[in-house]
Amino acid sequence: MNNLPINNFEQVDVVNLLCILLSNNFCFDEQVGNVLKMCSQQVCLLKVLREQGLSHGQLHTVFLALILS
């Protein structure tokens, strides 16, 4: 977009409001990509912690803290 600024506010393509990414074309591509990235990182962390020897109960606690929060 190449619009003129309104009242000295910078125009952006994507804005993060309350942890939701809103784009100027109302697509949720950025939001979905961000959620998938976060989930992938958290699953990878759980895998690494399992490989480090955490018990099932400890992994469950980490799951509840990270993924369900």
N, C-alpha and C. Protein backbone atom coordinates (compact mmCIF):
# COMPACT_ATOMS: atom_id res chain seq x y z
N MET A 1 0.84 -1.17 0.00
CA MET A 1 0.00 0.00 0.00
C MET A 1 0.89 1.24 0.00
N ASN A 2 0.46 2.22 -0.73
CA ASN A 2 1.26 3.43 -0.83
C ASN A 2 0.37 4.64 -0.55
N ASN A 3 -0.38 4.60 0.53
CA ASN A 3 -1.27 5.70 0.88
C ASN A 3 -0.52 6.75 1.68
N LEU A 4 -1.04 7.95 1.70
CA LEU A 4 -0.45 9.01 2.49
C LEU A 4 -0.78 8.81 3.96
N PRO A 5 0.13 9.17 4.86
CA PRO A 5 -0.15 9.04 6.29
C PRO A 5 -1.33 9.91 6.71
N ILE A 6 -2.09 9.41 7.68
CA ILE A 6 -3.23 10.14 8.20
C ILE A 6 -2.86 10.65 9.59
N ASN A 7 -2.95 11.95 9.79
CA ASN A 7 -2.68 12.56 11.09
C ASN A 7 -1.35 12.12 11.69
N ASN A 8 -0.33 12.03 10.86
CA ASN A 8 1.02 11.67 11.29
C ASN A 8 1.15 10.27 11.88
N PHE A 9 0.23 9.36 11.57
CA PHE A 9 0.33 7.97 11.99
C PHE A 9 0.96 7.17 10.86
N GLU A 10 1.87 6.31 11.22
CA GLU A 10 2.50 5.44 10.24
C GLU A 10 1.52 4.33 9.84
N GLN A 11 1.38 4.09 8.55
CA GLN A 11 0.54 3.00 8.08
C GLN A 11 1.39 1.75 7.93
N VAL A 12 0.89 0.64 8.43
CA VAL A 12 1.62 -0.61 8.39
C VAL A 12 0.75 -1.68 7.73
N ASP A 13 1.41 -2.75 7.28
CA ASP A 13 0.68 -3.85 6.64
C ASP A 13 0.05 -4.78 7.67
N VAL A 14 0.72 -4.96 8.82
CA VAL A 14 0.23 -5.87 9.85
C VAL A 14 0.46 -5.21 11.20
N VAL A 15 -0.55 -5.34 12.08
CA VAL A 15 -0.44 -4.80 13.44
C VAL A 15 -0.80 -5.89 14.43
N ASN A 16 -0.11 -5.90 15.57
CA ASN A 16 -0.36 -6.88 16.61
C ASN A 16 -1.19 -6.21 17.71
N LEU A 17 -2.45 -6.62 17.82
CA LEU A 17 -3.34 -6.09 18.84
C LEU A 17 -3.82 -7.23 19.72
N LEU A 18 -3.47 -7.18 21.00
CA LEU A 18 -3.87 -8.20 21.96
C LEU A 18 -3.50 -9.60 21.48
N CYS A 19 -2.29 -9.73 20.95
CA CYS A 19 -1.74 -11.01 20.46
C CYS A 19 -2.47 -11.56 19.25
N ILE A 20 -3.18 -10.73 18.55
CA ILE A 20 -3.82 -11.12 17.29
C ILE A 20 -3.25 -10.25 16.19
N LEU A 21 -2.72 -10.88 15.14
CA LEU A 21 -2.15 -10.14 14.04
C LEU A 21 -3.25 -9.77 13.05
N LEU A 22 -3.44 -8.48 12.86
CA LEU A 22 -4.43 -7.98 11.91
C LEU A 22 -3.71 -7.38 10.72
N SER A 23 -4.09 -7.81 9.53
CA SER A 23 -3.45 -7.28 8.33
C SER A 23 -4.36 -6.28 7.64
N ASN A 24 -3.75 -5.47 6.79
CA ASN A 24 -4.51 -4.42 6.12
C ASN A 24 -5.50 -4.98 5.09
N ASN A 25 -5.39 -6.26 4.73
CA ASN A 25 -6.32 -6.85 3.77
C ASN A 25 -7.25 -7.87 4.44
N PHE A 26 -7.25 -7.89 5.78
CA PHE A 26 -8.13 -8.74 6.58
C PHE A 26 -7.93 -10.23 6.35
N CYS A 27 -6.73 -10.61 5.93
CA CYS A 27 -6.38 -12.04 5.83
C CYS A 27 -5.75 -12.47 7.15
N PHE A 28 -5.87 -13.73 7.46
CA PHE A 28 -5.32 -14.25 8.70
C PHE A 28 -4.07 -15.08 8.46
N ASP A 29 -3.44 -14.92 7.29
CA ASP A 29 -2.23 -15.67 6.97
C ASP A 29 -1.13 -15.45 8.01
N GLU A 30 -0.89 -14.22 8.38
CA GLU A 30 0.14 -13.90 9.37
C GLU A 30 -0.20 -14.52 10.72
N GLN A 31 -1.45 -14.43 11.13
CA GLN A 31 -1.89 -14.97 12.42
C GLN A 31 -1.74 -16.47 12.44
N VAL A 32 -2.20 -17.15 11.41
CA VAL A 32 -2.12 -18.61 11.36
C VAL A 32 -0.66 -19.05 11.34
N GLY A 33 0.17 -18.39 10.56
CA GLY A 33 1.59 -18.71 10.51
C GLY A 33 2.25 -18.53 11.86
N ASN A 34 1.89 -17.47 12.56
CA ASN A 34 2.45 -17.21 13.88
C ASN A 34 2.03 -18.28 14.89
N VAL A 35 0.77 -18.67 14.87
CA VAL A 35 0.28 -19.71 15.80
C VAL A 35 0.97 -21.04 15.51
N LEU A 36 1.11 -21.40 14.22
CA LEU A 36 1.77 -22.65 13.86
C LEU A 36 3.23 -22.64 14.30
N LYS A 37 3.89 -21.52 14.15
CA LYS A 37 5.29 -21.40 14.57
C LYS A 37 5.42 -21.60 16.07
N MET A 38 4.54 -20.97 16.85
CA MET A 38 4.58 -21.11 18.30
C MET A 38 4.31 -22.56 18.72
N CYS A 39 3.34 -23.20 18.10
CA CYS A 39 3.03 -24.60 18.43
C CYS A 39 4.21 -25.51 18.10
N SER A 40 4.82 -25.29 16.96
CA SER A 40 5.97 -26.09 16.55
C SER A 40 7.12 -25.95 17.55
N GLN A 41 7.38 -24.73 18.00
CA GLN A 41 8.44 -24.50 18.97
C GLN A 41 8.14 -25.19 20.29
N GLN A 42 6.90 -25.15 20.72
CA GLN A 42 6.53 -25.76 21.99
C GLN A 42 6.59 -27.28 21.92
N VAL A 43 6.18 -27.86 20.80
CA VAL A 43 6.26 -29.31 20.64
C VAL A 43 7.73 -29.74 20.60
N CYS A 44 8.56 -28.95 19.94
CA CYS A 44 10.00 -29.24 19.89
C CYS A 44 10.59 -29.19 21.29
N LEU A 45 10.20 -28.21 22.08
CA LEU A 45 10.67 -28.12 23.46
C LEU A 45 10.28 -29.36 24.25
N LEU A 46 9.04 -29.79 24.11
CA LEU A 46 8.59 -31.00 24.83
C LEU A 46 9.41 -32.22 24.41
N LYS A 47 9.73 -32.31 23.13
CA LYS A 47 10.54 -33.43 22.63
C LYS A 47 11.94 -33.39 23.25
N VAL A 48 12.54 -32.21 23.28
CA VAL A 48 13.88 -32.07 23.87
C VAL A 48 13.85 -32.42 25.35
N LEU A 49 12.83 -31.94 26.06
CA LEU A 49 12.73 -32.24 27.49
C LEU A 49 12.53 -33.74 27.73
N ARG A 50 11.77 -34.40 26.87
CA ARG A 50 11.58 -35.86 26.99
C ARG A 50 12.91 -36.57 26.78
N GLU A 51 13.68 -36.11 25.78
CA GLU A 51 14.99 -36.72 25.51
C GLU A 51 15.97 -36.47 26.65
N GLN A 52 15.75 -35.40 27.43
CA GLN A 52 16.61 -35.09 28.57
C GLN A 52 16.22 -35.89 29.81
N GLY A 53 15.13 -36.66 29.73
CA GLY A 53 14.79 -37.57 30.81
C GLY A 53 13.66 -37.12 31.72
N LEU A 54 12.90 -36.09 31.35
CA LEU A 54 11.77 -35.69 32.18
C LEU A 54 10.73 -36.80 32.20
N SER A 55 10.12 -36.97 33.35
CA SER A 55 9.09 -38.00 33.49
C SER A 55 7.81 -37.56 32.76
N HIS A 56 6.91 -38.52 32.62
CA HIS A 56 5.62 -38.22 31.98
C HIS A 56 4.87 -37.14 32.75
N GLY A 57 4.89 -37.22 34.06
CA GLY A 57 4.22 -36.23 34.89
C GLY A 57 4.82 -34.84 34.73
N GLN A 58 6.16 -34.77 34.68
CA GLN A 58 6.82 -33.48 34.50
C GLN A 58 6.51 -32.89 33.12
N LEU A 59 6.52 -33.75 32.10
CA LEU A 59 6.17 -33.29 30.74
C LEU A 59 4.74 -32.78 30.70
N HIS A 60 3.86 -33.46 31.41
CA HIS A 60 2.46 -33.04 31.46
C HIS A 60 2.34 -31.67 32.11
N THR A 61 3.11 -31.43 33.15
CA THR A 61 3.11 -30.12 33.81
C THR A 61 3.59 -29.03 32.87
N VAL A 62 4.65 -29.31 32.12
CA VAL A 62 5.17 -28.34 31.15
C VAL A 62 4.12 -28.11 30.06
N PHE A 63 3.50 -29.18 29.61
CA PHE A 63 2.43 -29.04 28.60
C PHE A 63 1.32 -28.12 29.08
N LEU A 64 0.87 -28.35 30.31
CA LEU A 64 -0.20 -27.51 30.84
C LEU A 64 0.24 -26.06 30.96
N ALA A 65 1.47 -25.83 31.38
CA ALA A 65 1.98 -24.47 31.56
C ALA A 65 2.15 -23.74 30.24
N LEU A 66 2.67 -24.42 29.24
CA LEU A 66 2.98 -23.77 27.97
C LEU A 66 1.82 -23.77 26.98
N ILE A 67 1.32 -24.91 26.69
CA ILE A 67 0.40 -25.05 25.56
C ILE A 67 -1.02 -24.64 25.93
N LEU A 68 -1.45 -24.92 27.13
CA LEU A 68 -2.82 -24.57 27.51
C LEU A 68 -2.92 -23.16 28.08
N SER A 69 -1.81 -22.47 28.23
CA SER A 69 -1.86 -21.11 28.79
C SER A 69 -2.26 -20.10 27.74
